[in-house]
Amino acid sequence: MEQILELAQKWEQGGVITQEDAHLIYELLEPYLEYEFNQISALSSQGEPEAGLGVLVKTTNFLSASGNKVPGIITKLQKTIKKYQGHARNLGQKLGADSLTISVGFPSGVSVSLTWAI
């Protein structure tokens, strides 16, 4: 698990994921998502939904970048999409968003959109 967290930090700083990195992400996807979902929940419960949204956006972009290298990552997400949706919905409600859209596809990966009326 520590390896994937290091990869996420490396990607956040440099924006590059190698094929080898993507294969590791594929192998460790479920525990990684569980870890990030727990982070989102904790931040949301602590009254910091904005920080939780930051984690959700980072995770989404990280998985999309990885999914472009190993499409099976996107397929594996199907198993956890309800949890993904639940966390995004919870954050959207806490932030007062009017709507939520989650898209999963190839080659675009995962996309989460929250909208607010102006």
N, C-alpha and C. Protein backbone atom coordinates (compact mmCIF):
# COMPACT_ATOMS: atom_id res chain seq x y z
N MET A 1 0.82 -1.19 0.00
CA MET A 1 0.00 0.00 0.00
C MET A 1 0.87 1.26 0.00
N GLU A 2 1.94 1.19 0.75
CA GLU A 2 2.83 2.35 0.82
C GLU A 2 3.38 2.71 -0.56
N GLN A 3 3.62 1.68 -1.39
CA GLN A 3 4.15 1.91 -2.73
C GLN A 3 3.21 2.77 -3.56
N ILE A 4 1.92 2.48 -3.50
CA ILE A 4 0.98 3.23 -4.32
C ILE A 4 0.81 4.66 -3.81
N LEU A 5 0.91 4.85 -2.50
CA LEU A 5 0.85 6.21 -1.96
C LEU A 5 2.06 7.02 -2.40
N GLU A 6 3.22 6.36 -2.44
CA GLU A 6 4.42 7.03 -2.95
C GLU A 6 4.27 7.37 -4.43
N LEU A 7 3.67 6.46 -5.20
CA LEU A 7 3.43 6.73 -6.63
C LEU A 7 2.49 7.92 -6.80
N ALA A 8 1.44 7.96 -5.98
CA ALA A 8 0.48 9.06 -6.07
C ALA A 8 1.17 10.40 -5.78
N GLN A 9 2.04 10.40 -4.77
CA GLN A 9 2.76 11.62 -4.44
C GLN A 9 3.72 12.01 -5.56
N LYS A 10 4.42 11.01 -6.12
CA LYS A 10 5.33 11.25 -7.24
C LYS A 10 4.56 11.81 -8.44
N TRP A 11 3.40 11.22 -8.73
CA TRP A 11 2.58 11.69 -9.84
C TRP A 11 2.10 13.12 -9.58
N GLU A 12 1.69 13.40 -8.35
CA GLU A 12 1.19 14.73 -8.00
C GLU A 12 2.27 15.79 -8.22
N GLN A 13 3.53 15.43 -7.97
CA GLN A 13 4.62 16.38 -8.13
C GLN A 13 5.11 16.48 -9.57
N GLY A 14 5.04 15.37 -10.33
CA GLY A 14 5.61 15.39 -11.66
C GLY A 14 4.65 15.09 -12.80
N GLY A 15 3.49 14.52 -12.47
CA GLY A 15 2.48 14.27 -13.48
C GLY A 15 2.76 13.13 -14.44
N VAL A 16 3.71 12.25 -14.09
CA VAL A 16 4.07 11.17 -15.00
C VAL A 16 3.82 9.81 -14.33
N ILE A 17 3.18 8.92 -15.08
CA ILE A 17 2.98 7.54 -14.63
C ILE A 17 3.53 6.63 -15.71
N THR A 18 4.42 5.76 -15.31
CA THR A 18 4.98 4.81 -16.26
C THR A 18 4.06 3.60 -16.38
N GLN A 19 4.33 2.78 -17.38
CA GLN A 19 3.57 1.55 -17.56
C GLN A 19 3.71 0.66 -16.33
N GLU A 20 4.92 0.58 -15.80
CA GLU A 20 5.18 -0.23 -14.60
C GLU A 20 4.39 0.30 -13.40
N ASP A 21 4.36 1.63 -13.25
CA ASP A 21 3.58 2.25 -12.17
C ASP A 21 2.10 1.89 -12.31
N ALA A 22 1.59 1.98 -13.52
CA ALA A 22 0.18 1.69 -13.76
C ALA A 22 -0.17 0.24 -13.43
N HIS A 23 0.74 -0.68 -13.70
CA HIS A 23 0.50 -2.08 -13.36
C HIS A 23 0.43 -2.27 -11.84
N LEU A 24 1.28 -1.55 -11.12
CA LEU A 24 1.24 -1.62 -9.66
C LEU A 24 -0.08 -1.05 -9.13
N ILE A 25 -0.52 0.04 -9.72
CA ILE A 25 -1.80 0.64 -9.33
C ILE A 25 -2.93 -0.34 -9.59
N TYR A 26 -2.88 -1.01 -10.72
CA TYR A 26 -3.89 -2.02 -11.05
C TYR A 26 -3.95 -3.10 -9.97
N GLU A 27 -2.80 -3.57 -9.55
CA GLU A 27 -2.73 -4.64 -8.54
C GLU A 27 -3.23 -4.18 -7.17
N LEU A 28 -2.98 -2.93 -6.82
CA LEU A 28 -3.30 -2.43 -5.49
C LEU A 28 -4.50 -1.48 -5.47
N LEU A 29 -5.30 -1.52 -6.51
CA LEU A 29 -6.39 -0.55 -6.65
C LEU A 29 -7.38 -0.57 -5.48
N GLU A 30 -7.86 -1.74 -5.10
CA GLU A 30 -8.90 -1.81 -4.06
C GLU A 30 -8.42 -1.23 -2.73
N PRO A 31 -7.25 -1.65 -2.21
CA PRO A 31 -6.82 -1.05 -0.94
C PRO A 31 -6.52 0.44 -1.06
N TYR A 32 -6.02 0.86 -2.23
CA TYR A 32 -5.76 2.28 -2.43
C TYR A 32 -7.06 3.08 -2.37
N LEU A 33 -8.08 2.61 -3.07
CA LEU A 33 -9.36 3.32 -3.05
C LEU A 33 -9.96 3.34 -1.64
N GLU A 34 -9.86 2.24 -0.94
CA GLU A 34 -10.38 2.18 0.43
C GLU A 34 -9.68 3.22 1.30
N TYR A 35 -8.37 3.33 1.14
CA TYR A 35 -7.59 4.32 1.89
C TYR A 35 -8.07 5.74 1.56
N GLU A 36 -8.20 6.05 0.27
CA GLU A 36 -8.61 7.40 -0.13
C GLU A 36 -10.05 7.68 0.30
N PHE A 37 -10.94 6.68 0.19
CA PHE A 37 -12.32 6.87 0.65
C PHE A 37 -12.36 7.16 2.14
N ASN A 38 -11.51 6.49 2.92
CA ASN A 38 -11.44 6.76 4.35
C ASN A 38 -10.94 8.18 4.62
N GLN A 39 -9.98 8.64 3.82
CA GLN A 39 -9.48 10.01 3.95
C GLN A 39 -10.61 11.01 3.67
N ILE A 40 -11.36 10.76 2.61
CA ILE A 40 -12.46 11.65 2.23
C ILE A 40 -13.51 11.69 3.35
N SER A 41 -13.87 10.53 3.87
CA SER A 41 -14.86 10.45 4.95
C SER A 41 -14.38 11.20 6.18
N ALA A 42 -13.13 10.99 6.55
CA ALA A 42 -12.58 11.65 7.74
C ALA A 42 -12.60 13.16 7.57
N LEU A 43 -12.16 13.65 6.43
CA LEU A 43 -12.16 15.10 6.20
C LEU A 43 -13.56 15.66 6.21
N SER A 44 -14.49 14.94 5.61
CA SER A 44 -15.87 15.39 5.58
C SER A 44 -16.47 15.43 6.98
N SER A 45 -16.20 14.40 7.80
CA SER A 45 -16.73 14.37 9.17
C SER A 45 -16.10 15.44 10.04
N GLN A 46 -14.89 15.85 9.71
CA GLN A 46 -14.21 16.89 10.48
C GLN A 46 -14.62 18.29 10.04
N GLY A 47 -15.61 18.36 9.16
CA GLY A 47 -16.08 19.67 8.69
C GLY A 47 -15.19 20.29 7.64
N GLU A 48 -14.44 19.46 6.92
CA GLU A 48 -13.55 19.94 5.86
C GLU A 48 -13.89 19.31 4.52
N PRO A 49 -15.15 19.48 4.04
CA PRO A 49 -15.51 18.85 2.77
C PRO A 49 -14.71 19.38 1.58
N GLU A 50 -14.23 20.61 1.67
CA GLU A 50 -13.41 21.16 0.57
C GLU A 50 -12.12 20.35 0.42
N ALA A 51 -11.51 19.99 1.56
CA ALA A 51 -10.30 19.16 1.52
C ALA A 51 -10.63 17.77 1.01
N GLY A 52 -11.79 17.23 1.41
CA GLY A 52 -12.23 15.94 0.90
C GLY A 52 -12.43 15.96 -0.60
N LEU A 53 -12.99 17.06 -1.11
CA LEU A 53 -13.16 17.21 -2.55
C LEU A 53 -11.79 17.23 -3.24
N GLY A 54 -10.82 17.87 -2.61
CA GLY A 54 -9.46 17.88 -3.16
C GLY A 54 -8.90 16.47 -3.29
N VAL A 55 -9.13 15.64 -2.28
CA VAL A 55 -8.67 14.24 -2.33
C VAL A 55 -9.39 13.49 -3.43
N LEU A 56 -10.71 13.72 -3.56
CA LEU A 56 -11.49 13.04 -4.60
C LEU A 56 -10.99 13.43 -5.99
N VAL A 57 -10.73 14.72 -6.20
CA VAL A 57 -10.25 15.20 -7.51
C VAL A 57 -8.87 14.62 -7.80
N LYS A 58 -7.99 14.64 -6.81
CA LYS A 58 -6.63 14.08 -7.00
C LYS A 58 -6.71 12.60 -7.34
N THR A 59 -7.52 11.86 -6.59
CA THR A 59 -7.67 10.42 -6.82
C THR A 59 -8.22 10.16 -8.21
N THR A 60 -9.23 10.93 -8.60
CA THR A 60 -9.84 10.78 -9.92
C THR A 60 -8.82 11.01 -11.02
N ASN A 61 -8.05 12.07 -10.92
CA ASN A 61 -7.05 12.37 -11.95
C ASN A 61 -5.94 11.32 -11.98
N PHE A 62 -5.53 10.87 -10.82
CA PHE A 62 -4.50 9.84 -10.71
C PHE A 62 -4.96 8.55 -11.39
N LEU A 63 -6.20 8.15 -11.11
CA LEU A 63 -6.74 6.93 -11.73
C LEU A 63 -6.93 7.09 -13.23
N SER A 64 -7.32 8.27 -13.67
CA SER A 64 -7.48 8.50 -15.10
C SER A 64 -6.14 8.40 -15.81
N ALA A 65 -5.11 9.01 -15.23
CA ALA A 65 -3.77 8.92 -15.83
C ALA A 65 -3.28 7.48 -15.87
N SER A 66 -3.57 6.74 -14.82
CA SER A 66 -3.16 5.33 -14.76
C SER A 66 -3.97 4.47 -15.74
N GLY A 67 -5.26 4.77 -15.83
CA GLY A 67 -6.16 4.02 -16.70
C GLY A 67 -5.81 4.16 -18.17
N ASN A 68 -5.16 5.27 -18.52
CA ASN A 68 -4.71 5.43 -19.91
C ASN A 68 -3.57 4.48 -20.24
N LYS A 69 -2.85 4.04 -19.22
CA LYS A 69 -1.73 3.10 -19.42
C LYS A 69 -2.21 1.65 -19.32
N VAL A 70 -3.11 1.38 -18.36
CA VAL A 70 -3.64 0.03 -18.14
C VAL A 70 -5.16 0.13 -18.05
N PRO A 71 -5.86 -0.05 -19.17
CA PRO A 71 -7.31 0.10 -19.20
C PRO A 71 -8.06 -0.75 -18.18
N GLY A 72 -7.46 -1.84 -17.73
CA GLY A 72 -8.11 -2.68 -16.74
C GLY A 72 -8.40 -1.95 -15.44
N ILE A 73 -7.69 -0.86 -15.17
CA ILE A 73 -7.95 -0.05 -13.97
C ILE A 73 -9.37 0.49 -14.02
N ILE A 74 -9.78 0.97 -15.18
CA ILE A 74 -11.14 1.52 -15.33
C ILE A 74 -12.17 0.40 -15.16
N THR A 75 -11.88 -0.77 -15.70
CA THR A 75 -12.78 -1.92 -15.54
C THR A 75 -12.91 -2.29 -14.07
N LYS A 76 -11.80 -2.31 -13.35
CA LYS A 76 -11.83 -2.64 -11.92
C LYS A 76 -12.65 -1.62 -11.12
N LEU A 77 -12.68 -0.40 -11.58
CA LEU A 77 -13.45 0.63 -10.88
C LEU A 77 -14.93 0.31 -10.83
N GLN A 78 -15.41 -0.48 -11.76
CA GLN A 78 -16.82 -0.84 -11.77
C GLN A 78 -17.24 -1.48 -10.46
N LYS A 79 -16.31 -2.19 -9.81
CA LYS A 79 -16.62 -2.86 -8.55
C LYS A 79 -16.84 -1.86 -7.41
N THR A 80 -16.25 -0.69 -7.53
CA THR A 80 -16.32 0.27 -6.43
C THR A 80 -17.05 1.56 -6.80
N ILE A 81 -17.67 1.59 -7.97
CA ILE A 81 -18.27 2.84 -8.43
C ILE A 81 -19.37 3.33 -7.49
N LYS A 82 -20.11 2.44 -6.86
CA LYS A 82 -21.16 2.87 -5.92
C LYS A 82 -20.55 3.58 -4.71
N LYS A 83 -19.42 3.06 -4.21
CA LYS A 83 -18.74 3.73 -3.10
C LYS A 83 -18.22 5.09 -3.57
N TYR A 84 -17.64 5.11 -4.75
CA TYR A 84 -17.11 6.34 -5.34
C TYR A 84 -18.23 7.37 -5.43
N GLN A 85 -19.35 6.93 -5.95
CA GLN A 85 -20.51 7.79 -6.11
C GLN A 85 -21.02 8.28 -4.75
N GLY A 86 -21.06 7.40 -3.77
CA GLY A 86 -21.53 7.78 -2.44
C GLY A 86 -20.67 8.86 -1.81
N HIS A 87 -19.37 8.73 -1.92
CA HIS A 87 -18.47 9.73 -1.35
C HIS A 87 -18.60 11.06 -2.10
N ALA A 88 -18.68 11.00 -3.41
CA ALA A 88 -18.84 12.22 -4.20
C ALA A 88 -20.18 12.90 -3.86
N ARG A 89 -21.24 12.11 -3.74
CA ARG A 89 -22.56 12.66 -3.40
C ARG A 89 -22.52 13.34 -2.03
N ASN A 90 -21.91 12.67 -1.06
CA ASN A 90 -21.81 13.22 0.29
C ASN A 90 -21.07 14.56 0.27
N LEU A 91 -19.97 14.61 -0.44
CA LEU A 91 -19.21 15.86 -0.53
C LEU A 91 -20.04 16.94 -1.23
N GLY A 92 -20.70 16.56 -2.31
CA GLY A 92 -21.53 17.52 -3.04
C GLY A 92 -22.61 18.11 -2.15
N GLN A 93 -23.25 17.28 -1.35
CA GLN A 93 -24.30 17.76 -0.44
C GLN A 93 -23.72 18.70 0.61
N LYS A 94 -22.59 18.34 1.18
CA LYS A 94 -21.96 19.19 2.20
C LYS A 94 -21.51 20.52 1.62
N LEU A 95 -21.16 20.51 0.33
CA LEU A 95 -20.69 21.74 -0.31
C LEU A 95 -21.83 22.50 -1.00
N GLY A 96 -23.05 21.97 -0.92
CA GLY A 96 -24.20 22.64 -1.50
C GLY A 96 -24.29 22.58 -3.01
N ALA A 97 -23.72 21.55 -3.63
CA ALA A 97 -23.77 21.40 -5.09
C ALA A 97 -25.20 21.06 -5.51
N ASP A 98 -25.59 21.54 -6.69
CA ASP A 98 -26.92 21.25 -7.22
C ASP A 98 -26.99 19.91 -7.93
N SER A 99 -25.86 19.47 -8.49
CA SER A 99 -25.87 18.18 -9.18
C SER A 99 -24.49 17.54 -9.17
N LEU A 100 -24.47 16.24 -9.45
CA LEU A 100 -23.26 15.45 -9.48
C LEU A 100 -23.31 14.55 -10.70
N THR A 101 -22.20 14.49 -11.42
CA THR A 101 -22.08 13.59 -12.56
C THR A 101 -20.75 12.84 -12.44
N ILE A 102 -20.80 11.53 -12.59
CA ILE A 102 -19.58 10.73 -12.64
C ILE A 102 -19.58 9.99 -13.97
N SER A 103 -18.49 10.14 -14.70
CA SER A 103 -18.35 9.44 -15.98
C SER A 103 -17.12 8.54 -15.91
N VAL A 104 -17.26 7.35 -16.44
CA VAL A 104 -16.14 6.42 -16.52
C VAL A 104 -16.07 5.95 -17.96
N GLY A 105 -14.90 6.10 -18.59
CA GLY A 105 -14.76 5.68 -19.97
C GLY A 105 -13.32 5.53 -20.36
N PHE A 106 -13.10 5.08 -21.55
CA PHE A 106 -11.76 4.94 -22.08
C PHE A 106 -11.70 5.68 -23.40
N PRO A 107 -10.71 6.49 -23.67
CA PRO A 107 -9.47 6.67 -22.92
C PRO A 107 -9.54 7.79 -21.88
N SER A 108 -10.66 8.39 -21.68
CA SER A 108 -10.73 9.55 -20.79
C SER A 108 -10.60 9.21 -19.32
N GLY A 109 -10.89 7.98 -18.92
CA GLY A 109 -10.77 7.60 -17.52
C GLY A 109 -12.00 7.97 -16.72
N VAL A 110 -11.78 8.55 -15.55
CA VAL A 110 -12.86 8.88 -14.63
C VAL A 110 -13.00 10.39 -14.59
N SER A 111 -14.25 10.84 -14.56
CA SER A 111 -14.53 12.26 -14.45
C SER A 111 -15.63 12.46 -13.42
N VAL A 112 -15.42 13.38 -12.50
CA VAL A 112 -16.42 13.72 -11.50
C VAL A 112 -16.72 15.21 -11.66
N SER A 113 -18.00 15.54 -11.78
CA SER A 113 -18.40 16.94 -11.91
C SER A 113 -19.45 17.27 -10.88
N LEU A 114 -19.22 18.34 -10.15
CA LEU A 114 -20.23 18.91 -9.25
C LEU A 114 -20.58 20.27 -9.83
N THR A 115 -21.86 20.63 -9.79
CA THR A 115 -22.26 21.93 -10.32
C THR A 115 -23.05 22.71 -9.28
N TRP A 116 -22.92 24.01 -9.36
CA TRP A 116 -23.65 24.92 -8.48
C TRP A 116 -24.32 25.98 -9.33
N ALA A 117 -25.52 26.36 -8.92
CA ALA A 117 -26.22 27.45 -9.61
C ALA A 117 -25.53 28.77 -9.24
N ILE A 118 -25.55 29.70 -10.18
CA ILE A 118 -24.97 31.02 -9.86
C ILE A 118 -26.05 32.08 -9.78
